């Protein structure tokens, strides 16, 4: 049995991941060619599992209470339990030094436009404030993670209604999320078809244009840093994976083709090279 266990969110899509932060961790494990197994955890059970592993919450809700979420990576060979996707990437670089280049290249080597990206939603208040990773030894990656999470999170109203809950616990999961997000009902998240287009083609597309502009134009240089991917690409890739699972098919096909097809190219390359189900 592999020493590494990734704790991911259970859903009817298994063995496919869908949530962005577990997807970032899964892509990072694939990048490092690490052998691992997956432990699937239903949403109502996440707090219990984190507590059983002595893995404190790394985020707080806006009321100050702990926000128990995934991923978690447990390394049986060292006894380490890591409960944040960014920290998982740092841990993998420290414990699996090959292949080269690393997930998180040295600060002085970073030259891409992504290094100064600022989210249009950076000042948006979220019910679960985004992890800042303040004081990180990789501040450029930490900042990019924060700003990309803000950009995509600010547009999740379009897709929250499509979250793939397990049927047996769907009502409990919805109730938990409504409580966290201060919603009266899960139906408050529903945006019907006729109301979707202005949001999809307006604010969402505008926000995605800024992200698309950070990537290479193709011809072997599709990544944020040029010819080789790094963890910054995986940060975006975690969100692209979620959209591929949640978007209505026609919207996903259209989204893939925006801005010269950059998101389709990046998603397909990451899925083919690094998205490992095991």
Protein backbone atom coordinates (compact mmCIF):
# COMPACT_ATOMS: atom_id res chain seq x y z
CA UNK A 1 0.00 0.00 0.00
CA UNK A 2 1.37 3.47 -0.83
CA UNK A 3 2.61 5.60 2.07
CA UNK A 4 0.70 8.64 0.80
CA UNK A 5 -3.06 8.96 1.26
CA UNK A 6 -5.02 11.82 -0.28
CA UNK A 7 -8.31 12.62 1.43
CA UNK A 8 -10.72 13.87 -1.21
CA UNK A 9 -14.43 14.75 -1.30
CA UNK A 10 -16.75 11.87 -2.04
CA UNK A 11 -19.42 12.28 -4.72
CA UNK A 12 -21.33 10.28 -7.34
CA UNK A 13 -18.50 11.21 -9.75
CA UNK A 14 -16.03 8.89 -7.99
CA UNK A 15 -13.35 7.98 -8.79
CA UNK A 16 -13.26 11.46 -10.30
CA UNK A 17 -12.40 14.48 -8.15
CA UNK A 18 -14.30 17.69 -8.65
CA UNK A 19 -13.50 20.17 -5.84
CA UNK A 20 -10.76 22.69 -6.74
CA UNK A 21 -8.40 22.37 -3.78
CA UNK A 22 -8.32 18.55 -3.69
CA UNK A 23 -7.87 18.73 -7.47
CA UNK A 24 -4.82 20.98 -7.00
CA UNK A 25 -3.36 18.40 -4.61
CA UNK A 26 -4.15 15.53 -6.98
CA UNK A 27 -2.46 17.36 -9.85
CA UNK A 28 0.57 18.04 -7.64
CA UNK A 29 0.87 14.35 -6.76
CA UNK A 30 0.67 13.49 -10.45
CA UNK A 31 3.29 16.13 -11.28
CA UNK A 32 5.67 14.48 -8.80
CA UNK A 33 4.83 10.99 -10.13
CA UNK A 34 3.99 10.00 -6.56
CA UNK A 35 2.28 6.74 -5.70
CA UNK A 36 -0.74 7.36 -3.49
CA UNK A 37 -4.19 6.11 -2.61
CA UNK A 38 -7.41 8.07 -2.18
CA UNK A 39 -9.63 8.06 0.88
CA UNK A 40 -13.04 9.42 -0.09
CA UNK A 41 -14.82 11.47 2.59
CA UNK A 42 -18.44 12.60 2.43
CA UNK A 43 -18.99 16.31 3.13
CA UNK A 44 -20.83 15.83 6.46
CA UNK A 45 -17.93 13.64 7.68
CA UNK A 46 -15.05 16.00 6.91
CA UNK A 47 -14.89 17.59 10.36
CA UNK A 48 -14.85 14.18 12.07
CA UNK A 49 -12.10 12.89 9.77
CA UNK A 50 -9.90 15.97 10.25
CA UNK A 51 -10.27 15.71 14.00
CA UNK A 52 -9.46 11.99 13.94
CA UNK A 53 -6.21 12.78 12.11
CA UNK A 54 -5.35 15.65 14.49
CA UNK A 55 -5.43 17.93 11.46
CA UNK A 56 -6.63 21.40 12.53
CA UNK A 57 -8.72 23.52 10.21
CA UNK A 58 -6.54 25.90 8.18
CA UNK A 59 -9.35 28.37 7.47
CA UNK A 60 -12.01 30.19 9.44
CA UNK A 61 -15.56 31.01 8.44
CA UNK A 62 -16.65 34.63 8.56
CA UNK A 63 -18.17 34.05 12.02
CA UNK A 64 -14.78 32.96 13.36
CA UNK A 65 -15.57 29.24 13.56
CA UNK A 66 -13.33 26.59 12.02
CA UNK A 67 -13.88 25.71 8.36
CA UNK A 68 -13.20 22.00 8.03
CA UNK A 69 -12.51 21.10 4.45
CA UNK A 70 -10.26 18.97 2.24
CA UNK A 71 -7.72 18.01 0.95
CA UNK A 72 -5.57 16.28 3.51
CA UNK A 73 -2.39 14.38 2.69
CA UNK A 74 -1.18 11.76 5.17
CA UNK A 75 2.34 10.32 4.83
CA UNK A 76 2.59 7.03 6.71
CA UNK A 77 6.38 6.98 6.28
CA UNK A 78 6.88 10.20 8.26
CA UNK A 79 3.66 10.52 10.24
CA UNK A 80 3.04 13.92 8.67
CA UNK A 81 -0.53 15.09 8.08
CA UNK A 82 -0.90 18.17 5.86
CA UNK A 83 -4.29 19.85 5.60
CA UNK A 84 -3.95 22.54 2.91
CA UNK A 85 -3.38 22.17 -0.84
CA UNK A 86 -0.62 24.81 -0.95
CA UNK A 87 1.20 23.19 1.98
CA UNK A 88 0.84 19.81 0.25
CA UNK A 89 2.69 21.18 -2.80
CA UNK A 90 5.47 22.50 -0.55
CA UNK A 91 5.68 19.15 1.25
CA UNK A 92 5.92 17.20 -2.00
CA UNK A 93 8.75 19.41 -3.25
CA UNK A 94 10.60 18.87 0.04
CA UNK A 95 10.15 15.09 0.15
CA UNK A 96 10.15 14.18 -3.56
CA UNK A 97 12.89 16.36 -5.07
CA UNK A 98 12.53 14.95 -8.59
CA UNK A 99 11.45 15.40 -11.33
CA UNK A 100 12.94 18.71 -12.32
CA UNK A 101 11.70 21.45 -12.42
CA UNK A 102 10.03 21.57 -9.00
CA UNK A 103 6.40 22.41 -8.39
CA UNK A 104 7.49 25.69 -6.80
CA UNK A 105 10.59 27.03 -8.60
CA UNK A 106 12.81 29.54 -6.78
CA UNK A 107 11.39 33.04 -6.48
CA UNK A 108 14.21 34.61 -8.46
CA UNK A 109 13.53 32.40 -11.50
CA UNK A 110 9.89 33.46 -11.97
CA UNK A 111 9.26 35.76 -14.92
CA UNK A 112 5.71 35.14 -16.18
CA UNK A 113 2.92 37.71 -16.25
CA UNK A 114 1.08 35.64 -13.67
CA UNK A 115 3.51 36.77 -10.95
CA UNK A 116 1.76 40.15 -10.71
CA UNK A 117 -1.82 38.99 -11.29
CA UNK A 118 -4.44 40.87 -9.28
CA UNK A 119 -7.97 39.50 -9.06
CA UNK A 120 -10.89 41.81 -9.86
CA UNK A 121 -12.58 40.12 -6.87
CA UNK A 122 -9.68 40.59 -4.46
CA UNK A 123 -11.75 42.72 -2.09
CA UNK A 124 -14.87 40.55 -2.22
CA UNK A 125 -15.94 39.25 1.21
CA UNK A 126 -16.46 35.47 1.19
CA UNK A 127 -18.26 33.42 3.84
CA UNK A 128 -15.14 31.26 4.01
CA UNK A 129 -12.24 33.72 3.66
CA UNK A 130 -9.60 32.45 1.26
CA UNK A 131 -6.30 31.15 2.61
CA UNK A 132 -3.59 33.80 2.36
CA UNK A 133 -0.61 31.56 3.22
CA UNK A 134 0.87 34.69 4.76
CA UNK A 135 4.57 34.43 5.49
CA UNK A 136 5.05 31.65 2.95
CA UNK A 137 8.54 30.90 1.66
CA UNK A 138 6.94 31.09 -1.80
CA UNK A 139 5.13 34.45 -1.66
CA UNK A 140 4.50 34.76 -5.40
CA UNK A 141 2.75 31.39 -5.53
CA UNK A 142 0.84 32.18 -2.33
CA UNK A 143 -0.38 35.47 -3.79
CA UNK A 144 -1.37 33.86 -7.08
CA UNK A 145 -3.29 31.13 -5.26
CA UNK A 146 -5.16 33.78 -3.27
CA UNK A 147 -6.06 35.87 -6.30
CA UNK A 148 -7.06 32.95 -8.55
CA UNK A 149 -9.22 31.51 -5.77
CA UNK A 150 -10.89 34.92 -5.42
CA UNK A 151 -11.58 35.21 -9.15
CA UNK A 152 -13.18 31.80 -9.49
CA UNK A 153 -14.95 31.86 -6.11
CA UNK A 154 -16.61 35.16 -6.98
CA UNK A 155 -18.26 33.45 -9.94
CA UNK A 156 -19.33 30.22 -8.27
CA UNK A 157 -22.93 31.48 -8.00
CA UNK A 158 -23.28 30.23 -11.58
CA UNK A 159 -22.34 26.67 -10.65
CA UNK A 160 -23.06 26.04 -6.98
CA UNK A 161 -26.44 24.54 -7.87
CA UNK A 162 -24.67 21.75 -9.78
CA UNK A 163 -22.49 20.47 -6.92
CA UNK A 164 -22.60 16.64 -7.07
CA UNK A 165 -23.74 15.58 -3.61
CA UNK A 166 -24.13 11.96 -2.62
CA UNK A 167 -27.88 11.25 -2.66
CA UNK A 168 -27.96 9.69 0.82
CA UNK A 169 -26.42 12.75 2.47
CA UNK A 170 -27.38 15.51 0.02
CA UNK A 171 -29.78 17.26 2.36
CA UNK A 172 -27.28 17.25 5.23
CA UNK A 173 -24.54 18.61 2.94
CA UNK A 174 -26.83 21.33 1.59
CA UNK A 175 -27.92 22.32 5.09
CA UNK A 176 -24.29 22.59 6.18
CA UNK A 177 -23.39 24.76 3.20
CA UNK A 178 -26.47 26.96 3.65
CA UNK A 179 -25.52 27.54 7.27
CA UNK A 180 -21.97 28.51 6.31
CA UNK A 181 -23.09 30.80 3.49
CA UNK A 182 -25.99 32.36 5.44
CA UNK A 183 -28.57 31.14 2.94
CA UNK A 184 -32.20 30.55 3.81
CA UNK A 185 -32.51 27.71 1.32
CA UNK A 186 -30.39 25.82 -1.19
CA UNK A 187 -32.82 27.08 -3.81
CA UNK A 188 -31.32 30.54 -3.28
CA UNK A 189 -28.35 29.31 -5.35
CA UNK A 190 -30.44 28.32 -8.34
CA UNK A 191 -30.00 30.50 -11.42
CA UNK A 192 -32.42 29.41 -14.18
CA UNK A 193 -31.39 29.16 -17.81
CA UNK A 194 -32.73 32.50 -19.00
CA UNK A 195 -30.88 34.33 -16.23
CA UNK A 196 -27.56 32.57 -16.80
CA UNK A 197 -26.47 34.06 -20.12
CA UNK A 198 -25.93 37.65 -18.94
CA UNK A 199 -23.80 36.40 -16.05
CA UNK A 200 -21.93 33.85 -18.15
CA UNK A 201 -21.17 36.23 -21.01
CA UNK A 202 -20.72 39.27 -18.77
CA UNK A 203 -18.89 39.29 -15.47
CA UNK A 204 -17.67 35.70 -15.67
CA UNK A 205 -16.17 36.05 -19.14
CA UNK A 206 -14.64 39.41 -18.24
CA UNK A 207 -12.95 37.87 -15.19
CA UNK A 208 -11.69 34.90 -17.22
CA UNK A 209 -10.16 37.18 -19.85
CA UNK A 210 -7.66 38.42 -17.28
CA UNK A 211 -6.68 34.85 -16.39
CA UNK A 212 -6.45 33.74 -20.02
CA UNK A 213 -4.05 36.59 -20.82
CA UNK A 214 -1.49 35.14 -18.40
CA UNK A 215 -0.91 31.96 -20.41
CA UNK A 216 1.26 31.31 -23.44
CA UNK A 217 -0.37 31.39 -26.86
CA UNK A 218 0.48 27.81 -27.81
CA UNK A 219 3.17 26.39 -30.09
CA UNK A 220 4.69 24.44 -27.21
CA UNK A 221 4.47 27.31 -24.74
CA UNK A 222 1.02 27.03 -23.22
CA UNK A 223 2.10 27.40 -19.59
CA UNK A 224 2.34 30.40 -17.30
CA UNK A 225 6.14 30.21 -17.15
CA UNK A 226 6.69 29.16 -20.76
CA UNK A 227 7.62 25.64 -21.90
CA UNK A 228 7.33 23.90 -18.51
CA UNK A 229 4.37 23.79 -16.09
CA UNK A 230 4.66 24.68 -12.42
CA UNK A 231 2.32 24.81 -9.44
CA UNK A 232 0.76 28.06 -10.67
CA UNK A 233 -0.66 26.16 -13.66
CA UNK A 234 -2.04 23.53 -11.29
CA UNK A 235 -3.76 26.23 -9.21
CA UNK A 236 -5.75 27.27 -12.28
CA UNK A 237 -6.10 23.62 -13.30
CA UNK A 238 -7.86 22.73 -10.06
CA UNK A 239 -10.58 25.23 -10.89
CA UNK A 240 -10.77 24.18 -14.53
CA UNK A 241 -11.30 20.61 -13.37
CA UNK A 242 -14.20 21.73 -11.19
CA UNK A 243 -15.81 23.65 -14.05
CA UNK A 244 -15.43 20.63 -16.34
CA UNK A 245 -17.45 18.62 -13.81
CA UNK A 246 -20.11 21.21 -12.92
CA UNK A 247 -20.78 23.29 -16.02
CA UNK A 248 -23.69 22.37 -18.26
CA UNK A 249 -22.14 20.72 -21.31
CA UNK A 250 -22.92 23.54 -23.72
CA UNK A 251 -21.38 26.14 -21.38
CA UNK A 252 -18.26 24.02 -20.87
CA UNK A 253 -17.76 23.62 -24.62
CA UNK A 254 -18.18 27.36 -25.11
CA UNK A 255 -15.90 28.20 -22.18
CA UNK A 256 -13.14 25.93 -23.52
CA UNK A 257 -13.09 27.92 -26.73
CA UNK A 258 -12.88 31.39 -25.21
CA UNK A 259 -9.78 33.50 -25.90
CA UNK A 260 -8.34 31.24 -28.58
CA UNK A 261 -9.08 28.04 -26.67
CA UNK A 262 -6.53 28.64 -23.92
CA UNK A 263 -8.57 27.03 -21.15
CA UNK A 264 -9.29 23.95 -23.25
CA UNK A 265 -5.58 23.51 -24.03
CA UNK A 266 -4.47 23.95 -20.43
CA UNK A 267 -7.19 21.70 -19.02
CA UNK A 268 -6.54 18.91 -21.51
CA UNK A 269 -2.76 19.02 -21.02
CA UNK A 270 -3.05 18.91 -17.22
CA UNK A 271 -5.60 16.10 -17.29
CA UNK A 272 -3.51 14.01 -19.66
CA UNK A 273 -0.20 14.54 -17.87
CA UNK A 274 -0.97 14.86 -14.18
CA UNK A 275 -4.57 14.11 -13.17
CA UNK A 276 -4.20 10.68 -11.60
CA UNK A 277 -7.08 8.67 -10.16
CA UNK A 278 -5.86 6.10 -7.66
